[in-house]
C-alpha atoms as a PDB file:
ATOM      1  CA  MET A   1      82.656 212.442 144.698  1.00  0.00           C
ATOM      2  CA  ARG A   2      85.987 211.640 142.898  1.00  0.00           C
ATOM      3  CA  ILE A   3      84.083 210.462 139.803  1.00  0.00           C
ATOM      4  CA  LEU A   4      82.092 213.732 139.760  1.00  0.00           C
ATOM      5  CA  LEU A   5      85.227 215.801 140.112  1.00  0.00           C
ATOM      6  CA  PHE A   6      86.974 213.776 137.367  1.00  0.00           C
ATOM      7  CA  THR A   7      84.014 214.174 135.075  1.00  0.00           C
ATOM      8  CA  PHE A   8      83.910 217.894 135.662  1.00  0.00           C
ATOM      9  CA  ILE A   9      87.656 218.324 135.076  1.00  0.00           C
ATOM     10  CA  PHE A  10      87.573 216.123 131.985  1.00  0.00           C
ATOM     11  CA  PHE A  11      84.513 217.580 130.233  1.00  0.00           C
ATOM     12  CA  SER A  12      84.414 221.177 131.457  1.00  0.00           C
ATOM     13  CA  PRO A  13      87.262 222.474 129.246  1.00  0.00           C
ATOM     14  CA  GLN A  14      85.758 220.722 126.203  1.00  0.00           C
ATOM     15  CA  LEU A  15      82.382 222.386 126.854  1.00  0.00           C
ATOM     16  CA  LEU A  16      84.038 225.761 127.288  1.00  0.00           C
ATOM     17  CA  ALA A  17      86.036 225.354 124.062  1.00  0.00           C
ATOM     18  CA  ASN A  18      83.017 224.077 122.156  1.00  0.00           C
ATOM     19  CA  PRO A  19      79.729 225.786 122.891  1.00  0.00           C
ATOM     20  CA  LEU A  20      77.876 223.461 120.330  1.00  0.00           C
ATOM     21  CA  ILE A  21      78.193 220.289 122.368  1.00  0.00           C
ATOM     22  CA  GLY A  22      74.711 219.175 123.395  1.00  0.00           C
ATOM     23  CA  THR A  23      71.273 218.684 122.057  1.00  0.00           C
ATOM     24  CA  TRP A  24      69.563 221.359 119.906  1.00  0.00           C
ATOM     25  CA  GLU A  25      66.034 221.835 118.585  1.00  0.00           C
ATOM     26  CA  PHE A  26      65.202 223.645 115.396  1.00  0.00           C
ATOM     27  CA  VAL A  27      63.544 227.115 115.732  1.00  0.00           C
ATOM     28  CA  LYS A  28      63.466 228.469 112.228  1.00  0.00           C
ATOM     29  CA  GLY A  29      65.284 228.545 108.881  1.00  0.00           C
ATOM     30  CA  GLU A  30      65.532 230.196 105.513  1.00  0.00           C
ATOM     31  CA  TYR A  31      66.687 228.255 102.448  1.00  0.00           C
ATOM     32  CA  ALA A  32      67.619 229.061  98.817  1.00  0.00           C
ATOM     33  CA  THR A  33      65.721 227.181  96.159  1.00  0.00           C
ATOM     34  CA  ALA A  34      65.616 227.433  92.359  1.00  0.00           C
ATOM     35  CA  GLU A  35      62.403 229.502  92.768  1.00  0.00           C
ATOM     36  CA  GLY A  36      63.788 231.803  95.463  1.00  0.00           C
ATOM     37  CA  ARG A  37      63.966 231.650  99.224  1.00  0.00           C
ATOM     38  CA  VAL A  38      61.680 229.615 101.423  1.00  0.00           C
ATOM     39  CA  THR A  39      61.228 229.667 105.207  1.00  0.00           C
ATOM     40  CA  ALA A  40      60.390 226.983 107.723  1.00  0.00           C
ATOM     41  CA  ALA A  41      59.681 227.144 111.389  1.00  0.00           C
ATOM     42  CA  ALA A  42      58.727 225.015 114.374  1.00  0.00           C
ATOM     43  CA  PRO A  43      56.208 223.535 115.090  1.00  0.00           C
ATOM     44  CA  ASN A  44      55.479 222.660 111.427  1.00  0.00           C
ATOM     45  CA  VAL A  45      59.041 221.563 111.020  1.00  0.00           C
ATOM     46  CA  THR A  46      60.738 219.807 113.963  1.00  0.00           C
ATOM     47  CA  SER A  47      64.369 218.742 114.085  1.00  0.00           C
ATOM     48  CA  THR A  48      66.808 217.634 116.721  1.00  0.00           C
ATOM     49  CA  LYS A  49      70.566 217.931 116.255  1.00  0.00           C
ATOM     50  CA  ILE A  50      72.986 216.288 118.641  1.00  0.00           C
ATOM     51  CA  ILE A  51      76.576 217.308 118.782  1.00  0.00           C
ATOM     52  CA  ASN A  52      79.339 215.565 120.713  1.00  0.00           C
ATOM     53  CA  GLY A  53      83.053 216.256 120.613  1.00  0.00           C
ATOM     54  CA  THR A  54      83.589 214.839 117.137  1.00  0.00           C
ATOM     55  CA  HIS A  55      80.286 213.984 115.500  1.00  0.00           C
ATOM     56  CA  PHE A  56      76.814 215.395 114.745  1.00  0.00           C
ATOM     57  CA  SER A  57      73.496 213.830 113.914  1.00  0.00           C
ATOM     58  CA  TYR A  58      70.033 215.173 113.130  1.00  0.00           C
ATOM     59  CA  ILE A  59      66.550 213.952 112.403  1.00  0.00           C
ATOM     60  CA  THR A  60      63.848 216.194 110.880  1.00  0.00           C
ATOM     61  CA  SER A  61      60.109 215.806 110.469  1.00  0.00           C
ATOM     62  CA  SER A  62      57.671 218.080 108.672  1.00  0.00           C
ATOM     63  CA  ASN A  63      54.002 218.150 109.556  1.00  0.00           C
ATOM     64  CA  ASN A  64      54.566 215.119 111.812  1.00  0.00           C
ATOM     65  CA  LYS A  65      56.116 212.968 109.036  1.00  0.00           C
ATOM     66  CA  PHE A  66      59.723 211.844 108.720  1.00  0.00           C
ATOM     67  CA  HIS A  67      61.713 214.048 106.348  1.00  0.00           C
ATOM     68  CA  TYR A  68      65.427 213.883 106.753  1.00  0.00           C
ATOM     69  CA  ALA A  69      68.123 212.208 108.909  1.00  0.00           C
ATOM     70  CA  GLY A  70      71.833 212.363 108.662  1.00  0.00           C
ATOM     71  CA  GLY A  71      75.119 212.878 110.371  1.00  0.00           C
ATOM     72  CA  GLY A  72      78.878 212.730 110.219  1.00  0.00           C
ATOM     73  CA  THR A  73      81.906 214.448 111.646  1.00  0.00           C
ATOM     74  CA  TYR A  74      82.600 218.089 112.105  1.00  0.00           C
ATOM     75  CA  GLU A  75      85.363 220.607 112.980  1.00  0.00           C
ATOM     76  CA  LEU A  76      85.178 224.030 114.586  1.00  0.00           C
ATOM     77  CA  GLU A  77      87.546 226.550 113.000  1.00  0.00           C
ATOM     78  CA  ASP A  78      87.340 230.158 114.109  1.00  0.00           C
ATOM     79  CA  ASN A  79      83.649 231.058 113.669  1.00  0.00           C
ATOM     80  CA  TYR A  80      83.004 228.111 111.261  1.00  0.00           C
ATOM     81  CA  PHE A  81      81.163 224.853 112.062  1.00  0.00           C
ATOM     82  CA  ILE A  82      82.347 222.603 109.212  1.00  0.00           C
ATOM     83  CA  GLU A  83      80.167 219.479 108.648  1.00  0.00           C
ATOM     84  CA  MET A  84      81.407 216.448 106.738  1.00  0.00           C
ATOM     85  CA  VAL A  85      78.275 214.451 106.019  1.00  0.00           C
ATOM     86  CA  THR A  86      78.929 210.696 106.021  1.00  0.00           C
ATOM     87  CA  LEU A  87      75.453 209.237 106.316  1.00  0.00           C
ATOM     88  CA  GLY A  88      71.840 210.198 105.670  1.00  0.00           C
ATOM     89  CA  ASN A  89      68.845 209.806 103.470  1.00  0.00           C
ATOM     90  CA  VAL A  90      69.653 212.768 101.193  1.00  0.00           C
ATOM     91  CA  GLU A  91      72.207 211.358  98.787  1.00  0.00           C
ATOM     92  CA  SER A  92      73.304 214.791  97.468  1.00  0.00           C
ATOM     93  CA  LEU A  93      74.638 215.598 100.998  1.00  0.00           C
ATOM     94  CA  ILE A  94      76.715 212.450 101.453  1.00  0.00           C
ATOM     95  CA  GLY A  95      80.369 213.340 101.154  1.00  0.00           C
ATOM     96  CA  ARG A  96      79.793 217.075 101.253  1.00  0.00           C
ATOM     97  CA  ARG A  97      81.878 219.396 103.440  1.00  0.00           C
ATOM     98  CA  MET A  98      79.833 222.478 104.353  1.00  0.00           C
ATOM     99  CA  ALA A  99      81.344 225.389 106.272  1.00  0.00           C
ATOM    100  CA  PHE A 100      78.728 227.367 108.222  1.00  0.00           C
ATOM    101  CA  THR A 101      79.502 230.579 109.961  1.00  0.00           C
ATOM    102  CA  PHE A 102      78.100 230.307 113.477  1.00  0.00           C
ATOM    103  CA  GLU A 103      77.368 232.271 116.634  1.00  0.00           C
ATOM    104  CA  VAL A 104      75.821 231.148 119.913  1.00  0.00           C
ATOM    105  CA  LYS A 105      73.973 233.947 121.712  1.00  0.00           C
ATOM    106  CA  ASP A 106      71.391 233.734 124.471  1.00  0.00           C
ATOM    107  CA  ASN A 107      71.106 229.942 124.194  1.00  0.00           C
ATOM    108  CA  LEU A 108      70.466 230.159 120.417  1.00  0.00           C
ATOM    109  CA  TRP A 109      72.759 228.787 117.751  1.00  0.00           C
ATOM    110  CA  HIS A 110      72.669 230.846 114.525  1.00  0.00           C
ATOM    111  CA  HIS A 111      74.381 229.400 111.491  1.00  0.00           C
ATOM    112  CA  LYS A 112      74.564 230.445 107.908  1.00  0.00           C
ATOM    113  CA  LEU A 113      75.884 228.669 104.816  1.00  0.00           C
ATOM    114  CA  VAL A 114      77.116 230.683 101.845  1.00  0.00           C
ATOM    115  CA  GLU A 115      78.831 228.711  99.007  1.00  0.00           C
ATOM    116  CA  ASN A 116      80.581 230.348  96.036  1.00  0.00           C
ATOM    117  CA  GLY A 117      79.286 233.760  97.234  1.00  0.00           C
ATOM    118  CA  LYS A 118      75.649 232.557  97.138  1.00  0.00           C
ATOM    119  CA  PHE A 119      73.331 232.229 100.076  1.00  0.00           C
ATOM    120  CA  VAL A 120      72.322 228.587 100.759  1.00  0.00           C
ATOM    121  CA  GLU A 121      70.708 228.538 104.171  1.00  0.00           C
ATOM    122  CA  TYR A 122      70.326 230.244 107.599  1.00  0.00           C
ATOM    123  CA  GLU A 123      69.119 228.389 110.652  1.00  0.00           C
ATOM    124  CA  VAL A 124      68.393 229.110 114.284  1.00  0.00           C
ATOM    125  CA  TRP A 125      68.578 226.306 116.915  1.00  0.00           C
ATOM    126  CA  LYS A 126      67.752 226.428 120.597  1.00  0.00           C
ATOM    127  CA  LYS A 127      69.771 224.427 123.162  1.00  0.00           C
ATOM    128  CA  VAL A 128      67.732 221.710 124.978  1.00  0.00           C
ATOM    129  CA  LYS A 129      68.323 221.844 128.738  1.00  0.00           C
END
């Protein structure tokens, strides 16, 4: 009982302060490309993102074939989820710092990336129970 109480007291404030901690599955997304915007959605694209108190990781497949994996550290600042990518199979992302605006509503995490005034991506993720 003491362990359970200690666990609740230790982790509960962190979960309240950070609604992103947990496991998330990709629902849909929209992305800017040189040719215009493209969309993706489950089940053709599947992705799982895991967030703990300091790090994130994700793995993505498309049409049942491995596509991307990566991770790194992150910070929450106001309504920004700021990823610092430190590993992955997309070399252009390694070392990048990306500041996504985010909102968690009805168990869905919406985040949007705009860089230099230009739309880059918008994604929706659902929390795994």
